């Protein structure tokens, strides 16, 4: 395994000259999320990255956003010759992967989306906003509250009853995260994240010289 730094994004590469596969983690995750499934990618060139502001990758000066994540992944794949890669993503990462496929189809050979999302529903955006405010106002205590809510809502009754180690891992990953970074991630991903209309609105964006966050029928107006 080699560790690379591409435009302040930490990237781990395993394997040799096989078909590339890029792994995109979810909110408050890291490249380590993919460690348990690495045997499934035997014979492939596995590219795992810590998204900007996550784990070992620096928090950039500009605000985090889905577009920023896509730009970063595209730069990583260009640097590491990862074009036409199988793309595997989890949770929030599935939104990033879909945008990557629409904006850079030459980089994506296939999509495998685990816990896929197209966009956050209105209730989800409101929840993201509330969690970001909690982390900003309470710091580590806020992160702990968010971690508790995630453990409660995102793990099954079976996991809660029979897999305490899994609960500890999920809770611990959130506790270990920096409050400022968590807040930035939540703010950066709570806005509308439709990818389905990007092809249709490219010409509009070129004409008016600005990038709109969403398509007109989505109902997302403003900054989310």
Protein backbone atom coordinates (compact mmCIF):
# COMPACT_ATOMS: atom_id res chain seq x y z
CA UNK A 1 0.00 0.00 0.00
CA UNK A 2 1.17 3.53 -0.78
CA UNK A 3 -0.10 6.77 0.72
CA UNK A 4 -0.32 9.80 -1.57
CA UNK A 5 -1.22 13.45 -1.12
CA UNK A 6 -3.09 14.93 -4.07
CA UNK A 7 -4.18 18.56 -3.68
CA UNK A 8 -4.24 18.13 0.12
CA UNK A 9 -6.34 14.97 -0.14
CA UNK A 10 -4.86 11.85 1.46
CA UNK A 11 -5.16 8.81 -0.81
CA UNK A 12 -4.25 5.19 -0.20
CA UNK A 13 -3.56 2.95 -3.18
CA UNK A 14 -3.39 -0.83 -3.03
CA UNK A 15 -2.81 -3.36 -5.77
CA UNK A 16 -0.98 -3.04 -9.02
CA UNK A 17 -2.06 -2.62 -12.60
CA UNK A 18 -5.53 -4.13 -12.30
CA UNK A 19 -8.81 -2.38 -13.08
CA UNK A 20 -9.08 0.70 -10.84
CA UNK A 21 -11.79 0.94 -8.20
CA UNK A 22 -12.32 4.14 -6.24
CA UNK A 23 -13.96 3.98 -2.80
CA UNK A 24 -15.92 7.00 -1.51
CA UNK A 25 -16.84 7.08 2.17
CA UNK A 26 -19.83 8.73 3.82
CA UNK A 27 -20.32 11.60 6.23
CA UNK A 28 -17.68 11.71 9.01
CA UNK A 29 -16.07 8.61 7.48
CA UNK A 30 -12.61 7.88 6.11
CA UNK A 31 -10.72 5.56 3.81
CA UNK A 32 -10.57 3.09 6.71
CA UNK A 33 -14.29 2.39 6.29
CA UNK A 34 -13.35 0.16 3.34
CA UNK A 35 -10.75 -1.96 5.12
CA UNK A 36 -13.15 -4.86 5.93
CA UNK A 37 -14.12 -5.32 2.27
CA UNK A 38 -10.68 -5.00 0.67
CA UNK A 39 -10.48 -8.76 -0.03
CA UNK A 40 -13.44 -8.31 -2.39
CA UNK A 41 -11.25 -6.12 -4.61
CA UNK A 42 -8.41 -8.61 -4.99
CA UNK A 43 -6.53 -8.10 -8.24
CA UNK A 44 -7.77 -4.54 -8.66
CA UNK A 45 -6.08 -1.19 -8.13
CA UNK A 46 -7.93 0.11 -5.07
CA UNK A 47 -8.00 3.88 -4.58
CA UNK A 48 -9.30 4.97 -1.18
CA UNK A 49 -9.34 8.60 -0.17
CA UNK A 50 -10.22 10.75 2.81
CA UNK A 51 -12.54 13.38 1.34
CA UNK A 52 -11.53 17.02 1.92
CA UNK A 53 -12.01 17.91 5.59
CA UNK A 54 -12.32 14.25 6.61
CA UNK A 55 -9.88 12.26 8.73
CA UNK A 56 -6.30 13.02 7.52
CA UNK A 57 -7.27 15.39 4.68
CA UNK A 58 -7.07 19.08 5.53
CA UNK A 59 -10.17 21.20 5.82
CA UNK A 60 -9.95 23.48 2.77
CA UNK A 61 -10.37 27.24 2.85
CA UNK A 62 -13.48 27.06 0.68
CA UNK A 63 -16.75 25.68 2.02
CA UNK A 64 -17.27 21.94 1.70
CA UNK A 65 -19.81 20.90 -0.92
CA UNK A 66 -20.70 18.00 -3.17
CA UNK A 67 -19.09 19.85 -6.09
CA UNK A 68 -15.86 20.26 -4.14
CA UNK A 69 -15.80 16.55 -3.34
CA UNK A 70 -16.36 15.70 -7.02
CA UNK A 71 -13.57 18.06 -8.12
CA UNK A 72 -11.21 16.49 -5.59
CA UNK A 73 -11.96 12.93 -6.67
CA UNK A 74 -11.54 13.87 -10.33
CA UNK A 75 -8.14 15.40 -9.53
CA UNK A 76 -7.11 12.27 -7.62
CA UNK A 77 -8.13 9.96 -10.47
CA UNK A 78 -6.31 12.13 -13.00
CA UNK A 79 -3.14 12.11 -10.90
CA UNK A 80 -3.26 8.36 -10.26
CA UNK A 81 -4.40 7.35 -13.74
CA UNK A 82 -7.68 6.03 -12.45
CA UNK A 83 -9.91 6.80 -15.44
CA UNK A 84 -12.76 4.39 -16.21
CA UNK A 85 -12.83 3.24 -12.60
CA UNK A 86 -15.39 1.11 -10.86
CA UNK A 87 -16.83 3.45 -8.24
CA UNK A 88 -17.99 2.13 -4.88
CA UNK A 89 -19.65 4.50 -2.42
CA UNK A 90 -21.50 4.51 0.87
CA UNK A 91 -24.22 6.81 2.26
CA UNK A 92 -23.35 10.46 1.53
CA UNK A 93 -20.62 9.16 -0.75
CA UNK A 94 -23.30 7.75 -3.06
CA UNK A 95 -24.49 11.29 -3.78
CA UNK A 96 -20.92 12.29 -4.61
CA UNK A 97 -20.52 9.23 -6.84
CA UNK A 98 -23.63 10.04 -8.87
CA UNK A 99 -22.45 13.61 -9.45
CA UNK A 100 -19.04 12.28 -10.43
CA UNK A 101 -20.63 9.97 -13.00
CA UNK A 102 -22.70 12.79 -14.52
CA UNK A 103 -19.93 15.40 -14.60
CA UNK A 104 -17.08 13.03 -15.52
CA UNK A 105 -18.52 9.98 -17.27
CA UNK A 106 -15.07 9.13 -18.64
CA UNK A 107 -13.90 8.46 -15.07
CA UNK A 108 -16.68 6.07 -14.07
CA UNK A 109 -16.99 2.55 -15.48
CA UNK A 110 -19.66 1.38 -13.01
CA UNK A 111 -21.41 2.42 -9.80
CA UNK A 112 -21.94 0.28 -6.70
CA UNK A 113 -23.96 2.35 -4.21
CA UNK A 114 -24.34 1.11 -0.64
CA UNK A 115 -27.17 2.78 1.25
CA UNK A 116 -27.80 5.00 -1.77
CA UNK A 117 -29.25 8.51 -1.65
CA UNK A 118 -30.29 10.71 -4.56
CA UNK A 119 -30.71 13.81 -2.44
CA UNK A 120 -31.66 14.69 1.11
CA UNK A 121 -35.40 15.16 1.70
CA UNK A 122 -36.51 18.41 3.27
CA UNK A 123 -36.63 16.81 6.71
CA UNK A 124 -33.11 15.51 6.19
CA UNK A 125 -31.79 18.95 5.28
CA UNK A 126 -33.41 20.42 8.38
CA UNK A 127 -31.83 17.69 10.48
CA UNK A 128 -28.40 18.36 8.97
CA UNK A 129 -28.76 22.06 9.73
CA UNK A 130 -29.74 21.33 13.33
CA UNK A 131 -26.83 18.93 13.84
CA UNK A 132 -24.37 21.42 12.37
CA UNK A 133 -25.63 24.09 14.77
CA UNK A 134 -25.33 21.64 17.67
CA UNK A 135 -21.69 20.85 16.85
CA UNK A 136 -20.87 24.51 16.34
CA UNK A 137 -22.46 25.61 19.63
CA UNK A 138 -21.47 22.73 21.91
CA UNK A 139 -18.23 21.49 20.39
CA UNK A 140 -17.29 17.99 21.52
CA UNK A 141 -20.47 17.66 23.57
CA UNK A 142 -22.44 18.37 20.41
CA UNK A 143 -20.48 15.75 18.48
CA UNK A 144 -21.31 13.24 21.22
CA UNK A 145 -25.01 14.03 20.93
CA UNK A 146 -24.86 13.62 17.15
CA UNK A 147 -23.00 10.32 17.57
CA UNK A 148 -25.66 9.06 19.95
CA UNK A 149 -28.43 9.98 17.53
CA UNK A 150 -26.65 8.21 14.65
CA UNK A 151 -26.13 5.05 16.70
CA UNK A 152 -29.77 5.08 17.74
CA UNK A 153 -31.23 5.73 14.31
CA UNK A 154 -28.81 4.01 11.94
CA UNK A 155 -28.26 0.63 13.60
CA UNK A 156 -30.70 -2.25 13.74
CA UNK A 157 -32.22 -3.81 16.82
CA UNK A 158 -30.12 -6.92 16.14
CA UNK A 159 -26.92 -4.89 16.06
CA UNK A 160 -27.84 -3.09 19.27
CA UNK A 161 -28.60 -6.39 21.01
CA UNK A 162 -25.89 -8.66 19.65
CA UNK A 163 -23.03 -6.57 18.27
CA UNK A 164 -21.75 -4.17 20.92
CA UNK A 165 -18.38 -3.93 19.17
CA UNK A 166 -20.09 -2.48 16.09
CA UNK A 167 -21.92 0.09 18.20
CA UNK A 168 -18.65 1.05 19.85
CA UNK A 169 -16.97 1.46 16.46
CA UNK A 170 -19.77 3.65 15.05
CA UNK A 171 -19.94 5.81 18.15
CA UNK A 172 -16.17 6.03 18.47
CA UNK A 173 -15.68 7.19 14.87
CA UNK A 174 -18.01 10.12 15.47
CA UNK A 175 -16.52 10.97 18.87
CA UNK A 176 -13.05 11.03 17.34
CA UNK A 177 -14.06 13.60 14.73
CA UNK A 178 -13.25 17.26 15.21
CA UNK A 179 -16.36 19.32 15.98
CA UNK A 180 -15.41 22.03 13.47
CA UNK A 181 -14.94 19.48 10.68
CA UNK A 182 -18.21 17.71 11.47
CA UNK A 183 -19.99 21.06 11.40
CA UNK A 184 -18.41 21.91 8.03
CA UNK A 185 -19.37 18.51 6.56
CA UNK A 186 -22.94 18.80 7.75
CA UNK A 187 -23.29 22.31 6.35
CA UNK A 188 -21.67 21.27 3.08
CA UNK A 189 -23.97 18.32 2.43
CA UNK A 190 -27.34 19.52 3.67
CA UNK A 191 -28.16 21.49 0.52
CA UNK A 192 -29.97 20.10 -2.50
CA UNK A 193 -27.84 17.52 -4.26
CA UNK A 194 -29.78 16.40 -7.31
CA UNK A 195 -27.58 14.96 -10.04
CA UNK A 196 -30.28 13.81 -12.44
CA UNK A 197 -30.63 17.12 -14.26
CA UNK A 198 -27.00 18.19 -14.59
CA UNK A 199 -26.85 17.26 -18.27
CA UNK A 200 -29.98 19.28 -18.98
CA UNK A 201 -28.77 22.40 -17.19
CA UNK A 202 -25.20 22.57 -18.42
CA UNK A 203 -26.17 24.81 -21.34
CA UNK A 204 -28.17 27.08 -19.01
CA UNK A 205 -25.20 27.43 -16.69
CA UNK A 206 -22.94 28.31 -19.61
CA UNK A 207 -25.38 30.96 -20.82
CA UNK A 208 -25.95 32.75 -17.54
CA UNK A 209 -22.38 32.30 -16.30
CA UNK A 210 -23.32 30.83 -12.94
CA UNK A 211 -23.79 27.39 -11.44
CA UNK A 212 -27.20 26.78 -9.96
CA UNK A 213 -27.47 24.39 -7.06
CA UNK A 214 -30.40 22.45 -8.43
CA UNK A 215 -32.93 22.03 -11.18
CA UNK A 216 -36.03 24.30 -11.15
CA UNK A 217 -38.46 21.54 -10.21
CA UNK A 218 -36.60 20.39 -7.13
CA UNK A 219 -37.97 22.96 -4.73
CA UNK A 220 -34.54 23.83 -3.38
CA UNK A 221 -34.11 27.59 -3.43
CA UNK A 222 -31.24 29.39 -1.75
CA UNK A 223 -28.33 27.77 0.01
CA UNK A 224 -30.12 24.84 1.64
